[in-house]
Structure formats: C-alpha cells, structure tokens
Amino acid sequence: MAHKGLAWSHVKVFYLVDPGEYCSTNRLPHHGVPARARARYTAGVDSSDLDPEVAQQLTRAVRERLDWFGRLRRRMELRGFPPTDPLYIAVTRCYNAAQELHVRAHYASCRGGVGRG
C-alpha cells in the first residue's frame, strides 16, 4: 500500500511497511519488505534524495507508530508481562526500531546542520 504524499518523480511508489509486521533488529535490510515492493524501488535512491517535506511526512507517520508501540508496551507492563516474555521482547524491539527510524527521518528532514551536509 502506498502512503499518500510519499513519492518522488524518479520513484514510482514509496512503501511504508507496517512495523508491527516486520520488526527485528537482526535481519538484513531487504528482509521484511515484500518482493513486489522491492521490485518497485529504483536503484540508486537513498535517504539523501528525500525532500525535507517528504522526510517530515515520514517523521509524522513513524511518530504515530512509535507512540502506538510505546502505549502497547506500557499496557503490557501494567498488565504484568515479565521483561523476558517473547511478546514483550518483540514489542520492545519494534519500539526501539521505530525510535531509530523516527530519529533518522527527523534528521533527513533537517535543511542543514545535523541532518544534511
């Protein structure tokens, strides 16, 4: 599913993969992205090609998911999930991955300084 507003002139579609579906910090970058989505990417595109406005849209979208994972983890803690529970560990990994993505997307949205050279 394409996310509205996240397309470039030289890339047909930019996919936002549901972090709840594919969150593991020990997988290679192409894992978790369906083959049909990988096939639509144009070679040679990276985060430096993002317009700051597109990166801001990505930051907002990721923030919503980050908040959701944070609320889910907090609810699990309140319900008494032990930190060793496999589901709790998976949610924590997703939260951490979404946090990293949020920070990187934010830096990509900066017009100068930290995010851009």
C-alpha atoms as a PDB file:
ATOM      1  CA  MET A   1       0.000   0.000   0.000  1.00  0.00           C
ATOM      2  CA  ALA A   2       1.464   3.356  -0.976  1.00  0.00           C
ATOM      3  CA  HIS A   3       1.371   6.112   1.586  1.00  0.00           C
ATOM      4  CA  LYS A   4      -0.083   9.352   0.227  1.00  0.00           C
ATOM      5  CA  GLY A   5       2.428  12.120  -0.262  1.00  0.00           C
ATOM      6  CA  LEU A   6       5.478   9.893  -0.197  1.00  0.00           C
ATOM      7  CA  ALA A   7       6.508   9.654  -3.818  1.00  0.00           C
ATOM      8  CA  TRP A   8       9.343  11.105  -5.846  1.00  0.00           C
ATOM      9  CA  SER A   9       9.408  11.901  -9.522  1.00  0.00           C
ATOM     10  CA  HIS A  10      12.058   9.215 -10.117  1.00  0.00           C
ATOM     11  CA  VAL A  11      10.462   6.578  -7.889  1.00  0.00           C
ATOM     12  CA  LYS A  12       7.047   5.164  -8.647  1.00  0.00           C
ATOM     13  CA  VAL A  13       5.962   4.233  -5.109  1.00  0.00           C
ATOM     14  CA  PHE A  14       7.429   4.563  -1.638  1.00  0.00           C
ATOM     15  CA  TYR A  15       6.170   1.866   0.725  1.00  0.00           C
ATOM     16  CA  LEU A  16       5.800   2.257   4.457  1.00  0.00           C
ATOM     17  CA  VAL A  17       5.991  -1.242   5.853  1.00  0.00           C
ATOM     18  CA  ASP A  18       3.885  -1.843   8.929  1.00  0.00           C
ATOM     19  CA  PRO A  19       6.489  -2.031  11.736  1.00  0.00           C
ATOM     20  CA  GLY A  20       4.282  -4.466  13.630  1.00  0.00           C
ATOM     21  CA  GLU A  21       4.624  -6.901  10.788  1.00  0.00           C
ATOM     22  CA  TYR A  22       8.381  -6.722  10.228  1.00  0.00           C
ATOM     23  CA  CYS A  23      10.351  -5.614  13.272  1.00  0.00           C
ATOM     24  CA  SER A  24      13.548  -7.421  14.007  1.00  0.00           C
ATOM     25  CA  THR A  25      16.881  -5.753  14.526  1.00  0.00           C
ATOM     26  CA  ASN A  26      18.832  -8.834  13.436  1.00  0.00           C
ATOM     27  CA  ARG A  27      17.511  -9.097   9.865  1.00  0.00           C
ATOM     28  CA  LEU A  28      19.149  -7.879   6.698  1.00  0.00           C
ATOM     29  CA  PRO A  29      17.683  -4.645   5.319  1.00  0.00           C
ATOM     30  CA  HIS A  30      15.774  -6.343   2.476  1.00  0.00           C
ATOM     31  CA  HIS A  31      14.058  -8.811   4.793  1.00  0.00           C
ATOM     32  CA  GLY A  32      10.550  -7.882   5.733  1.00  0.00           C
ATOM     33  CA  VAL A  33       9.937  -5.936   2.530  1.00  0.00           C
ATOM     34  CA  PRO A  34       7.727  -7.964   0.192  1.00  0.00           C
ATOM     35  CA  ALA A  35       9.311  -8.824  -3.173  1.00  0.00           C
ATOM     36  CA  ARG A  36       6.616  -6.838  -5.012  1.00  0.00           C
ATOM     37  CA  ALA A  37       7.610  -3.752  -3.028  1.00  0.00           C
ATOM     38  CA  ARG A  38      11.342  -4.266  -3.570  1.00  0.00           C
ATOM     39  CA  ALA A  39      10.721  -4.583  -7.311  1.00  0.00           C
ATOM     40  CA  ARG A  40       9.234  -1.080  -7.419  1.00  0.00           C
ATOM     41  CA  TYR A  41      12.251   0.646  -5.886  1.00  0.00           C
ATOM     42  CA  THR A  42      14.553   2.428  -8.283  1.00  0.00           C
ATOM     43  CA  ALA A  43      18.240   1.642  -7.819  1.00  0.00           C
ATOM     44  CA  GLY A  44      20.451   4.439  -6.572  1.00  0.00           C
ATOM     45  CA  VAL A  45      17.934   6.147  -4.296  1.00  0.00           C
ATOM     46  CA  ASP A  46      18.761   6.720  -0.647  1.00  0.00           C
ATOM     47  CA  SER A  47      17.661   8.923   2.237  1.00  0.00           C
ATOM     48  CA  SER A  48      19.701  11.876   0.975  1.00  0.00           C
ATOM     49  CA  ASP A  49      17.312  12.014  -2.007  1.00  0.00           C
ATOM     50  CA  LEU A  50      14.323  12.783   0.235  1.00  0.00           C
ATOM     51  CA  ASP A  51      12.953  16.288   0.100  1.00  0.00           C
ATOM     52  CA  PRO A  52      12.731  17.755   3.620  1.00  0.00           C
ATOM     53  CA  GLU A  53       8.937  17.937   3.304  1.00  0.00           C
ATOM     54  CA  VAL A  54       8.713  14.233   2.444  1.00  0.00           C
ATOM     55  CA  ALA A  55      11.015  13.402   5.348  1.00  0.00           C
ATOM     56  CA  GLN A  56       8.740  15.431   7.635  1.00  0.00           C
ATOM     57  CA  GLN A  57       5.745  13.414   6.433  1.00  0.00           C
ATOM     58  CA  LEU A  58       7.669  10.226   7.119  1.00  0.00           C
ATOM     59  CA  THR A  59       8.638  11.509  10.575  1.00  0.00           C
ATOM     60  CA  ARG A  60       4.987  12.202  11.432  1.00  0.00           C
ATOM     61  CA  ALA A  61       3.856   8.779  10.174  1.00  0.00           C
ATOM     62  CA  VAL A  62       6.584   6.992  12.107  1.00  0.00           C
ATOM     63  CA  ARG A  63       5.801   9.045  15.221  1.00  0.00           C
ATOM     64  CA  GLU A  64       2.237   7.714  15.233  1.00  0.00           C
ATOM     65  CA  ARG A  65       3.525   4.144  15.145  1.00  0.00           C
ATOM     66  CA  LEU A  66       6.204   4.884  17.731  1.00  0.00           C
ATOM     67  CA  ASP A  67       3.564   6.269  20.082  1.00  0.00           C
ATOM     68  CA  TRP A  68       1.392   3.196  19.475  1.00  0.00           C
ATOM     69  CA  PHE A  69       4.209   0.796  20.326  1.00  0.00           C
ATOM     70  CA  GLY A  70       5.013   2.867  23.410  1.00  0.00           C
ATOM     71  CA  ARG A  71       1.410   2.676  24.601  1.00  0.00           C
ATOM     72  CA  LEU A  72       1.294  -1.060  23.882  1.00  0.00           C
ATOM     73  CA  ARG A  73       4.492  -1.690  25.832  1.00  0.00           C
ATOM     74  CA  ARG A  74       3.216   0.396  28.756  1.00  0.00           C
ATOM     75  CA  ARG A  75      -0.089  -1.532  28.789  1.00  0.00           C
ATOM     76  CA  MET A  76       1.851  -4.794  28.794  1.00  0.00           C
ATOM     77  CA  GLU A  77       3.922  -3.591  31.754  1.00  0.00           C
ATOM     78  CA  LEU A  78       0.796  -2.568  33.652  1.00  0.00           C
ATOM     79  CA  ARG A  79      -0.744  -5.992  32.971  1.00  0.00           C
ATOM     80  CA  GLY A  80       2.324  -7.663  34.449  1.00  0.00           C
ATOM     81  CA  PHE A  81       4.148  -9.012  31.390  1.00  0.00           C
ATOM     82  CA  PRO A  82       7.634 -10.053  32.510  1.00  0.00           C
ATOM     83  CA  PRO A  83      10.568  -8.476  30.635  1.00  0.00           C
ATOM     84  CA  THR A  84      11.576 -11.970  29.481  1.00  0.00           C
ATOM     85  CA  ASP A  85       8.243 -12.679  27.743  1.00  0.00           C
ATOM     86  CA  PRO A  86       8.789 -13.220  23.986  1.00  0.00           C
ATOM     87  CA  LEU A  87       5.886 -10.938  23.047  1.00  0.00           C
ATOM     88  CA  TYR A  88       7.110  -8.161  25.348  1.00  0.00           C
ATOM     89  CA  ILE A  89      10.611  -8.506  23.891  1.00  0.00           C
ATOM     90  CA  ALA A  90       9.218  -8.284  20.341  1.00  0.00           C
ATOM     91  CA  VAL A  91       7.201  -5.162  21.177  1.00  0.00           C
ATOM     92  CA  THR A  92      10.272  -3.577  22.764  1.00  0.00           C
ATOM     93  CA  ARG A  93      12.335  -4.348  19.652  1.00  0.00           C
ATOM     94  CA  CYS A  94       9.651  -2.769  17.474  1.00  0.00           C
ATOM     95  CA  TYR A  95       9.549   0.295  19.700  1.00  0.00           C
ATOM     96  CA  ASN A  96      13.335   0.635  19.562  1.00  0.00           C
ATOM     97  CA  ALA A  97      13.380   0.188  15.776  1.00  0.00           C
ATOM     98  CA  ALA A  98      10.602   2.773  15.355  1.00  0.00           C
ATOM     99  CA  GLN A  99      12.525   5.166  17.623  1.00  0.00           C
ATOM    100  CA  GLU A 100      15.640   4.802  15.486  1.00  0.00           C
ATOM    101  CA  LEU A 101      13.609   5.305  12.305  1.00  0.00           C
ATOM    102  CA  HIS A 102      11.941   8.373  13.810  1.00  0.00           C
ATOM    103  CA  VAL A 103      15.298   9.950  14.651  1.00  0.00           C
ATOM    104  CA  ARG A 104      16.757   9.176  11.222  1.00  0.00           C
ATOM    105  CA  ALA A 105      13.664  10.510   9.450  1.00  0.00           C
ATOM    106  CA  HIS A 106      13.830  13.652  11.563  1.00  0.00           C
ATOM    107  CA  TYR A 107      17.490  14.179  10.656  1.00  0.00           C
ATOM    108  CA  ALA A 108      16.592  13.687   6.979  1.00  0.00           C
ATOM    109  CA  SER A 109      14.013  16.461   7.346  1.00  0.00           C
ATOM    110  CA  CYS A 110      16.602  18.974   8.580  1.00  0.00           C
ATOM    111  CA  ARG A 111      17.525  21.510   5.916  1.00  0.00           C
ATOM    112  CA  GLY A 112      21.059  21.925   7.188  1.00  0.00           C
ATOM    113  CA  GLY A 113      23.321  21.078  10.059  1.00  0.00           C
ATOM    114  CA  VAL A 114      22.738  17.694  11.664  1.00  0.00           C
ATOM    115  CA  GLY A 115      20.647  16.013   9.012  1.00  0.00           C
ATOM    116  CA  ARG A 116      22.140  17.394   5.833  1.00  0.00           C
ATOM    117  CA  GLY A 117      25.626  18.454   4.836  1.00  0.00           C
END
